[in-house]
N, C-alpha and C. Protein backbone atom coordinates (compact mmCIF):
# COMPACT_ATOMS: atom_id res chain seq x y z
N MET A 1 129.87 136.74 123.20
CA MET A 1 128.59 136.04 123.25
C MET A 1 128.64 134.76 122.43
N LYS A 2 129.27 134.83 121.24
CA LYS A 2 129.36 133.66 120.38
C LYS A 2 130.20 132.57 121.04
N ASN A 3 131.21 132.95 121.81
CA ASN A 3 132.08 131.99 122.47
C ASN A 3 131.30 131.17 123.50
N ILE A 4 130.41 131.82 124.26
CA ILE A 4 129.60 131.13 125.25
C ILE A 4 128.62 130.18 124.56
N SER A 5 128.00 130.62 123.46
CA SER A 5 127.06 129.79 122.72
C SER A 5 127.77 128.56 122.15
N SER A 6 128.96 128.76 121.64
CA SER A 6 129.73 127.65 121.07
C SER A 6 130.11 126.65 122.17
N LEU A 7 130.49 127.16 123.34
CA LEU A 7 130.83 126.30 124.46
C LEU A 7 129.61 125.50 124.93
N SER A 8 128.45 126.16 125.01
CA SER A 8 127.23 125.48 125.43
C SER A 8 126.83 124.41 124.42
N LEU A 9 126.99 124.71 123.14
CA LEU A 9 126.66 123.75 122.10
C LEU A 9 127.58 122.54 122.17
N THR A 10 128.85 122.76 122.41
CA THR A 10 129.81 121.66 122.53
C THR A 10 129.47 120.81 123.75
N ARG A 11 129.19 121.47 124.86
CA ARG A 11 128.83 120.74 126.08
C ARG A 11 127.55 119.93 125.88
N MET A 12 126.55 120.53 125.23
CA MET A 12 125.30 119.84 124.96
C MET A 12 125.55 118.62 124.05
N GLY A 13 126.41 118.78 123.08
CA GLY A 13 126.74 117.67 122.19
C GLY A 13 127.41 116.52 122.93
N LEU A 14 128.35 116.85 123.80
CA LEU A 14 129.03 115.81 124.56
C LEU A 14 128.09 115.09 125.52
N ILE A 15 127.23 115.84 126.18
CA ILE A 15 126.27 115.24 127.10
C ILE A 15 125.29 114.35 126.34
N SER A 16 124.81 114.83 125.19
CA SER A 16 123.88 114.03 124.40
C SER A 16 124.54 112.76 123.88
N ALA A 17 125.77 112.85 123.43
CA ALA A 17 126.49 111.68 122.95
C ALA A 17 126.69 110.67 124.07
N ALA A 18 127.04 111.16 125.26
CA ALA A 18 127.22 110.25 126.40
C ALA A 18 125.90 109.59 126.78
N LEU A 19 124.82 110.36 126.79
CA LEU A 19 123.50 109.81 127.11
C LEU A 19 123.08 108.76 126.09
N ALA A 20 123.29 109.06 124.82
CA ALA A 20 122.93 108.10 123.78
C ALA A 20 123.74 106.82 123.90
N SER A 21 125.02 106.94 124.23
CA SER A 21 125.86 105.75 124.41
C SER A 21 125.37 104.90 125.57
N VAL A 22 125.00 105.54 126.66
CA VAL A 22 124.49 104.80 127.83
C VAL A 22 123.18 104.10 127.47
N LEU A 23 122.30 104.81 126.78
CA LEU A 23 121.03 104.21 126.37
C LEU A 23 121.26 103.02 125.45
N LEU A 24 122.19 103.16 124.52
CA LEU A 24 122.47 102.10 123.57
C LEU A 24 123.01 100.87 124.28
N VAL A 25 123.93 101.06 125.20
CA VAL A 25 124.53 99.92 125.91
C VAL A 25 123.51 99.24 126.81
N THR A 26 122.72 100.02 127.55
CA THR A 26 121.75 99.41 128.46
C THR A 26 120.58 98.80 127.72
N GLY A 27 120.30 99.28 126.53
CA GLY A 27 119.18 98.75 125.77
C GLY A 27 119.51 97.48 125.01
N CYS A 28 120.76 97.14 124.88
CA CYS A 28 121.16 95.95 124.14
C CYS A 28 121.14 94.74 125.05
N ALA A 29 119.96 94.37 125.51
CA ALA A 29 119.84 93.20 126.37
C ALA A 29 120.22 91.97 125.56
N ASN A 30 120.84 91.02 126.21
CA ASN A 30 121.32 89.83 125.53
C ASN A 30 120.20 88.80 125.45
N HIS A 31 119.45 88.83 124.35
CA HIS A 31 118.43 87.83 124.12
C HIS A 31 119.08 86.70 123.35
N SER A 32 118.96 85.48 123.84
CA SER A 32 119.60 84.36 123.17
C SER A 32 118.61 83.23 122.98
N ALA A 33 118.68 82.62 121.80
CA ALA A 33 117.87 81.44 121.51
C ALA A 33 118.80 80.24 121.32
N SER A 34 119.98 80.31 121.91
CA SER A 34 120.97 79.25 121.79
C SER A 34 120.61 78.08 122.70
N SER A 35 120.92 76.89 122.23
CA SER A 35 120.69 75.71 123.07
C SER A 35 121.71 75.63 124.20
N SER A 36 122.76 76.43 124.12
CA SER A 36 123.84 76.40 125.11
C SER A 36 123.74 77.49 126.16
N VAL A 37 122.75 78.40 126.04
CA VAL A 37 122.64 79.53 126.96
C VAL A 37 121.43 79.35 127.87
N TYR A 38 121.67 79.41 129.16
CA TYR A 38 120.62 79.30 130.16
C TYR A 38 120.57 80.61 130.96
N THR A 39 119.38 81.04 131.33
CA THR A 39 119.28 82.18 132.24
C THR A 39 119.56 81.67 133.65
N TYR A 40 119.81 82.58 134.55
CA TYR A 40 120.06 82.20 135.94
C TYR A 40 118.88 81.41 136.50
N GLY A 41 117.67 81.82 136.18
CA GLY A 41 116.48 81.15 136.68
C GLY A 41 116.27 79.75 136.11
N GLN A 42 116.89 79.46 134.96
CA GLN A 42 116.75 78.13 134.35
C GLN A 42 117.80 77.15 134.86
N ALA A 43 118.85 77.65 135.47
CA ALA A 43 119.90 76.78 135.98
C ALA A 43 119.38 75.97 137.17
N GLN A 44 119.91 74.81 137.33
CA GLN A 44 119.56 73.90 138.42
C GLN A 44 118.07 73.55 138.45
N ARG A 45 117.47 73.45 137.28
CA ARG A 45 116.08 73.02 137.16
C ARG A 45 116.06 71.69 136.41
N GLU A 46 115.21 70.80 136.86
CA GLU A 46 115.07 69.51 136.19
C GLU A 46 114.44 69.70 134.83
N GLN A 47 114.93 68.94 133.84
CA GLN A 47 114.37 68.97 132.50
C GLN A 47 114.04 67.56 132.05
N ILE A 48 113.06 67.46 131.18
CA ILE A 48 112.71 66.18 130.58
C ILE A 48 113.63 65.98 129.38
N VAL A 49 114.25 64.80 129.29
CA VAL A 49 115.16 64.48 128.19
C VAL A 49 114.50 63.41 127.34
N ARG A 50 114.35 63.71 126.05
CA ARG A 50 113.82 62.74 125.09
C ARG A 50 114.86 62.57 123.98
N ILE A 51 114.95 61.38 123.44
CA ILE A 51 115.91 61.07 122.39
C ILE A 51 115.15 60.92 121.08
N GLY A 52 115.79 61.39 119.99
CA GLY A 52 115.15 61.26 118.69
C GLY A 52 116.14 61.42 117.56
N THR A 53 115.59 61.49 116.36
CA THR A 53 116.39 61.61 115.14
C THR A 53 115.93 62.83 114.37
N VAL A 54 116.87 63.63 113.90
CA VAL A 54 116.55 64.82 113.11
C VAL A 54 115.95 64.38 111.78
N GLN A 55 114.75 64.88 111.48
CA GLN A 55 114.10 64.58 110.22
C GLN A 55 114.48 65.61 109.16
N SER A 56 114.48 66.90 109.57
CA SER A 56 114.84 67.97 108.63
C SER A 56 115.31 69.20 109.39
N VAL A 57 116.04 70.05 108.68
CA VAL A 57 116.54 71.30 109.24
C VAL A 57 116.34 72.38 108.18
N ARG A 58 115.83 73.53 108.60
CA ARG A 58 115.74 74.66 107.67
C ARG A 58 116.17 75.93 108.37
N TYR A 59 116.75 76.85 107.59
CA TYR A 59 117.22 78.12 108.14
C TYR A 59 116.04 79.07 108.34
N ILE A 60 116.08 79.80 109.45
CA ILE A 60 115.06 80.80 109.78
C ILE A 60 115.75 82.05 110.30
N THR A 61 114.99 83.11 110.47
CA THR A 61 115.48 84.34 111.10
C THR A 61 114.71 84.51 112.41
N ILE A 62 115.46 84.73 113.49
CA ILE A 62 114.85 84.96 114.80
C ILE A 62 115.01 86.44 115.12
N GLN A 63 113.92 87.10 115.50
CA GLN A 63 114.00 88.50 115.91
C GLN A 63 113.22 88.70 117.19
N THR A 64 113.55 89.76 117.90
CA THR A 64 112.86 90.03 119.15
C THR A 64 111.40 90.38 118.86
N ASP A 65 110.55 90.20 119.86
CA ASP A 65 109.13 90.43 119.69
C ASP A 65 108.80 91.88 119.37
N LYS A 66 109.49 92.79 120.04
CA LYS A 66 109.25 94.21 119.79
C LYS A 66 110.52 94.99 120.12
N PRO A 67 110.76 96.07 119.38
CA PRO A 67 111.95 96.87 119.67
C PRO A 67 111.83 97.57 121.02
N SER A 68 112.98 97.82 121.64
CA SER A 68 112.99 98.46 122.96
C SER A 68 112.78 99.97 122.86
N GLY A 69 113.03 100.53 121.68
CA GLY A 69 112.93 101.97 121.51
C GLY A 69 114.23 102.69 121.78
N VAL A 70 115.24 101.97 122.24
CA VAL A 70 116.53 102.58 122.55
C VAL A 70 117.19 103.10 121.29
N GLY A 71 117.09 102.35 120.19
CA GLY A 71 117.70 102.79 118.94
C GLY A 71 117.09 104.10 118.46
N ALA A 72 115.77 104.18 118.50
CA ALA A 72 115.09 105.40 118.07
C ALA A 72 115.43 106.58 118.99
N ALA A 73 115.41 106.33 120.30
CA ALA A 73 115.70 107.41 121.26
C ALA A 73 117.13 107.92 121.10
N SER A 74 118.06 106.99 120.93
CA SER A 74 119.46 107.39 120.73
C SER A 74 119.62 108.16 119.43
N GLY A 75 118.93 107.68 118.39
CA GLY A 75 118.99 108.36 117.10
C GLY A 75 118.42 109.76 117.14
N VAL A 76 117.30 109.93 117.85
CA VAL A 76 116.70 111.26 118.00
C VAL A 76 117.68 112.20 118.70
N ALA A 77 118.30 111.72 119.78
CA ALA A 77 119.24 112.57 120.53
C ALA A 77 120.43 112.97 119.67
N LEU A 78 121.05 111.98 119.03
CA LEU A 78 122.22 112.29 118.22
C LEU A 78 121.87 113.11 116.99
N GLY A 79 120.75 112.76 116.32
CA GLY A 79 120.32 113.51 115.15
C GLY A 79 119.98 114.95 115.50
N GLY A 80 119.34 115.15 116.64
CA GLY A 80 119.00 116.51 117.07
C GLY A 80 120.24 117.34 117.38
N VAL A 81 121.22 116.71 118.02
CA VAL A 81 122.47 117.42 118.34
C VAL A 81 123.20 117.79 117.05
N ILE A 82 123.28 116.85 116.13
CA ILE A 82 123.97 117.13 114.87
C ILE A 82 123.21 118.20 114.09
N GLY A 83 121.89 118.08 114.05
CA GLY A 83 121.08 119.08 113.34
C GLY A 83 121.19 120.46 113.96
N SER A 84 121.39 120.53 115.26
CA SER A 84 121.46 121.84 115.93
C SER A 84 122.73 122.61 115.59
N THR A 85 123.69 121.95 114.98
CA THR A 85 124.93 122.64 114.60
C THR A 85 124.81 123.31 113.23
N ILE A 86 123.68 123.11 112.57
CA ILE A 86 123.49 123.64 111.22
C ILE A 86 122.67 124.92 111.28
N GLY A 87 123.13 125.94 110.58
CA GLY A 87 122.38 127.17 110.40
C GLY A 87 122.20 127.98 111.67
N GLY A 88 121.30 128.96 111.56
CA GLY A 88 121.00 129.83 112.68
C GLY A 88 119.53 130.23 112.61
N GLY A 89 118.97 130.69 113.69
CA GLY A 89 117.59 131.14 113.73
C GLY A 89 116.61 130.03 113.41
N THR A 90 115.64 130.35 112.53
CA THR A 90 114.62 129.38 112.15
C THR A 90 115.23 128.17 111.46
N GLY A 91 116.26 128.39 110.64
CA GLY A 91 116.95 127.29 109.96
C GLY A 91 117.55 126.31 110.95
N ASN A 92 118.09 126.82 112.03
CA ASN A 92 118.67 125.97 113.06
C ASN A 92 117.60 125.11 113.73
N ILE A 93 116.47 125.70 114.00
CA ILE A 93 115.36 124.97 114.63
C ILE A 93 114.88 123.85 113.71
N LEU A 94 114.71 124.19 112.42
CA LEU A 94 114.25 123.18 111.46
C LEU A 94 115.28 122.07 111.29
N ALA A 95 116.56 122.44 111.26
CA ALA A 95 117.62 121.43 111.14
C ALA A 95 117.66 120.52 112.37
N THR A 96 117.43 121.10 113.54
CA THR A 96 117.41 120.30 114.77
C THR A 96 116.25 119.30 114.75
N ILE A 97 115.08 119.78 114.36
CA ILE A 97 113.90 118.91 114.27
C ILE A 97 114.12 117.83 113.21
N GLY A 98 114.58 118.24 112.03
CA GLY A 98 114.83 117.29 110.95
C GLY A 98 115.89 116.27 111.33
N GLY A 99 116.95 116.73 111.98
CA GLY A 99 117.99 115.80 112.43
C GLY A 99 117.46 114.81 113.44
N GLY A 100 116.60 115.27 114.32
CA GLY A 100 116.00 114.37 115.31
C GLY A 100 115.12 113.32 114.66
N ILE A 101 114.30 113.74 113.69
CA ILE A 101 113.42 112.80 113.00
C ILE A 101 114.23 111.78 112.21
N LEU A 102 115.18 112.25 111.41
CA LEU A 102 116.00 111.33 110.62
C LEU A 102 116.84 110.41 111.51
N GLY A 103 117.37 110.98 112.60
CA GLY A 103 118.14 110.17 113.54
C GLY A 103 117.30 109.09 114.20
N GLY A 104 116.06 109.42 114.55
CA GLY A 104 115.15 108.45 115.16
C GLY A 104 114.82 107.32 114.20
N LEU A 105 114.56 107.65 112.94
CA LEU A 105 114.28 106.62 111.94
C LEU A 105 115.49 105.72 111.73
N ALA A 106 116.67 106.34 111.61
CA ALA A 106 117.89 105.56 111.40
C ALA A 106 118.19 104.67 112.62
N GLY A 107 118.04 105.22 113.81
CA GLY A 107 118.28 104.45 115.03
C GLY A 107 117.34 103.26 115.15
N ASN A 108 116.08 103.45 114.78
CA ASN A 108 115.11 102.36 114.83
C ASN A 108 115.47 101.27 113.82
N MET A 109 115.87 101.66 112.62
CA MET A 109 116.26 100.68 111.60
C MET A 109 117.49 99.89 112.06
N ILE A 110 118.45 100.57 112.65
CA ILE A 110 119.65 99.88 113.14
C ILE A 110 119.29 98.90 114.25
N GLU A 111 118.44 99.33 115.18
CA GLU A 111 118.05 98.44 116.27
C GLU A 111 117.35 97.20 115.75
N ASN A 112 116.45 97.37 114.77
CA ASN A 112 115.74 96.22 114.21
C ASN A 112 116.69 95.27 113.52
N LYS A 113 117.70 95.79 112.84
CA LYS A 113 118.68 94.94 112.16
C LYS A 113 119.55 94.19 113.17
N VAL A 114 119.95 94.85 114.24
CA VAL A 114 120.81 94.25 115.26
C VAL A 114 120.07 93.15 116.02
N GLN A 115 118.76 93.27 116.15
CA GLN A 115 117.98 92.32 116.95
C GLN A 115 117.52 91.10 116.16
N LYS A 116 118.15 90.85 115.00
CA LYS A 116 117.85 89.65 114.22
C LYS A 116 119.05 88.73 114.26
N THR A 117 118.78 87.42 114.32
CA THR A 117 119.86 86.44 114.32
C THR A 117 119.44 85.24 113.48
N GLN A 118 120.41 84.54 112.94
CA GLN A 118 120.13 83.35 112.15
C GLN A 118 119.75 82.20 113.07
N GLY A 119 118.77 81.43 112.66
CA GLY A 119 118.33 80.30 113.46
C GLY A 119 118.05 79.08 112.61
N LEU A 120 117.68 78.01 113.28
CA LEU A 120 117.32 76.76 112.62
C LEU A 120 115.98 76.30 113.15
N GLU A 121 115.17 75.76 112.27
CA GLU A 121 113.97 75.03 112.68
C GLU A 121 114.32 73.56 112.50
N ILE A 122 114.39 72.84 113.61
CA ILE A 122 114.84 71.46 113.60
C ILE A 122 113.62 70.57 113.86
N THR A 123 113.29 69.72 112.90
CA THR A 123 112.19 68.78 113.07
C THR A 123 112.78 67.45 113.51
N VAL A 124 112.30 66.96 114.66
CA VAL A 124 112.84 65.75 115.27
C VAL A 124 111.72 64.72 115.43
N VAL A 125 112.00 63.48 114.99
CA VAL A 125 111.09 62.37 115.26
C VAL A 125 111.63 61.68 116.51
N LEU A 126 110.84 61.77 117.59
CA LEU A 126 111.25 61.17 118.85
C LEU A 126 111.15 59.65 118.78
N ASP A 127 111.90 58.99 119.64
CA ASP A 127 111.88 57.53 119.67
C ASP A 127 110.50 56.96 119.99
N ASN A 128 109.63 57.75 120.62
CA ASN A 128 108.27 57.28 120.92
C ASN A 128 107.31 57.50 119.74
N GLY A 129 107.83 58.01 118.61
CA GLY A 129 107.03 58.21 117.40
C GLY A 129 106.49 59.61 117.21
N GLU A 130 106.52 60.44 118.25
CA GLU A 130 106.03 61.82 118.12
C GLU A 130 107.01 62.65 117.30
N THR A 131 106.50 63.67 116.62
CA THR A 131 107.34 64.59 115.85
C THR A 131 107.25 65.97 116.47
N ARG A 132 108.39 66.62 116.65
CA ARG A 132 108.46 67.96 117.23
C ARG A 132 109.33 68.85 116.34
N ALA A 133 108.94 70.12 116.24
CA ALA A 133 109.76 71.12 115.54
C ALA A 133 110.17 72.17 116.57
N ILE A 134 111.47 72.43 116.65
CA ILE A 134 112.02 73.37 117.61
C ILE A 134 112.85 74.41 116.86
N ALA A 135 112.60 75.69 117.14
CA ALA A 135 113.39 76.77 116.55
C ALA A 135 114.40 77.23 117.58
N GLN A 136 115.66 77.36 117.17
CA GLN A 136 116.70 77.85 118.06
C GLN A 136 117.81 78.48 117.23
N GLU A 137 118.70 79.18 117.92
CA GLU A 137 119.82 79.86 117.28
C GLU A 137 120.69 78.85 116.53
N ALA A 138 121.28 79.29 115.43
CA ALA A 138 122.09 78.41 114.58
C ALA A 138 123.53 78.35 115.07
N ASP A 139 123.73 78.11 116.36
CA ASP A 139 125.09 78.03 116.88
C ASP A 139 125.64 76.61 116.85
N ILE A 140 124.76 75.62 116.70
CA ILE A 140 125.16 74.22 116.53
C ILE A 140 124.44 73.72 115.29
N MET A 141 125.16 73.14 114.37
CA MET A 141 124.56 72.65 113.13
C MET A 141 124.05 71.23 113.31
N PHE A 142 122.95 70.92 112.65
CA PHE A 142 122.34 69.60 112.69
C PHE A 142 122.10 69.13 111.26
N ALA A 143 122.03 67.81 111.09
CA ALA A 143 121.77 67.22 109.77
C ALA A 143 120.70 66.15 109.91
N ALA A 144 119.95 65.94 108.82
CA ALA A 144 118.94 64.89 108.82
C ALA A 144 119.61 63.56 109.14
N GLY A 145 118.95 62.77 109.97
CA GLY A 145 119.47 61.47 110.37
C GLY A 145 120.31 61.50 111.65
N GLN A 146 120.67 62.69 112.11
CA GLN A 146 121.50 62.81 113.31
C GLN A 146 120.69 62.51 114.56
N ARG A 147 121.27 61.78 115.49
CA ARG A 147 120.63 61.48 116.77
C ARG A 147 120.83 62.67 117.71
N VAL A 148 119.75 63.06 118.41
CA VAL A 148 119.78 64.25 119.26
C VAL A 148 119.00 64.01 120.54
N ARG A 149 119.25 64.93 121.50
CA ARG A 149 118.46 65.02 122.72
C ARG A 149 117.54 66.22 122.59
N VAL A 150 116.31 66.07 123.03
CA VAL A 150 115.37 67.19 123.09
C VAL A 150 115.11 67.44 124.57
N LEU A 151 115.51 68.62 125.04
CA LEU A 151 115.37 68.99 126.45
C LEU A 151 114.20 69.95 126.60
N SER A 152 113.30 69.66 127.53
CA SER A 152 112.18 70.58 127.76
C SER A 152 111.83 70.54 129.24
N GLY A 153 111.10 71.52 129.67
CA GLY A 153 110.71 71.60 131.07
C GLY A 153 110.25 72.99 131.41
N THR A 154 110.94 73.64 132.36
CA THR A 154 110.51 74.95 132.85
C THR A 154 110.93 76.11 131.95
N GLY A 155 111.81 75.87 131.01
CA GLY A 155 112.27 76.93 130.11
C GLY A 155 111.99 76.55 128.68
N PRO A 156 112.75 77.12 127.77
CA PRO A 156 112.55 76.79 126.35
C PRO A 156 112.97 75.35 126.05
N THR A 157 112.41 74.81 124.99
CA THR A 157 112.81 73.48 124.52
C THR A 157 114.07 73.64 123.69
N ARG A 158 115.03 72.73 123.88
CA ARG A 158 116.32 72.81 123.22
C ARG A 158 116.65 71.49 122.54
N VAL A 159 117.38 71.57 121.44
CA VAL A 159 117.90 70.38 120.77
C VAL A 159 119.41 70.42 120.89
N THR A 160 119.99 69.29 121.35
CA THR A 160 121.45 69.19 121.47
C THR A 160 121.89 67.86 120.87
N PRO A 161 123.11 67.83 120.34
CA PRO A 161 123.61 66.56 119.80
C PRO A 161 123.79 65.53 120.90
N LEU A 162 123.66 64.27 120.54
CA LEU A 162 123.94 63.20 121.50
C LEU A 162 125.43 63.04 121.69
């Protein structure tokens, strides 16, 4: 009897681990605030190009608007599986519940940390005298006094070097 229970527990663990991995991979949508990344829908669209000079640059943190819940769900699944291997009877049930709760909290914290990226707030004085501030991913560095293009239109506004 113990051999069948051990086999079922192993199978349940493998299935849960595979499910959590699939959830983690599918939940990691590639959100980008880079001036170099366009979505398929933004390609081949006309944009307005304005020229200006960088007035100032400051570092910021960019994070997604809300978590997807994949981190928490994966954490609950893995934590519950790990907790279910502890003890027997009532202790096993409590360990499974506790493992699920702790796993969910840990998964949510990991997801929130992964969904943050370094960015820049770039203030540009356009040649027409207007001033604009644009936040984007810090994949291209800018300095005060640098001449830049400000692209805007149907998608996000972007700053690129001239």
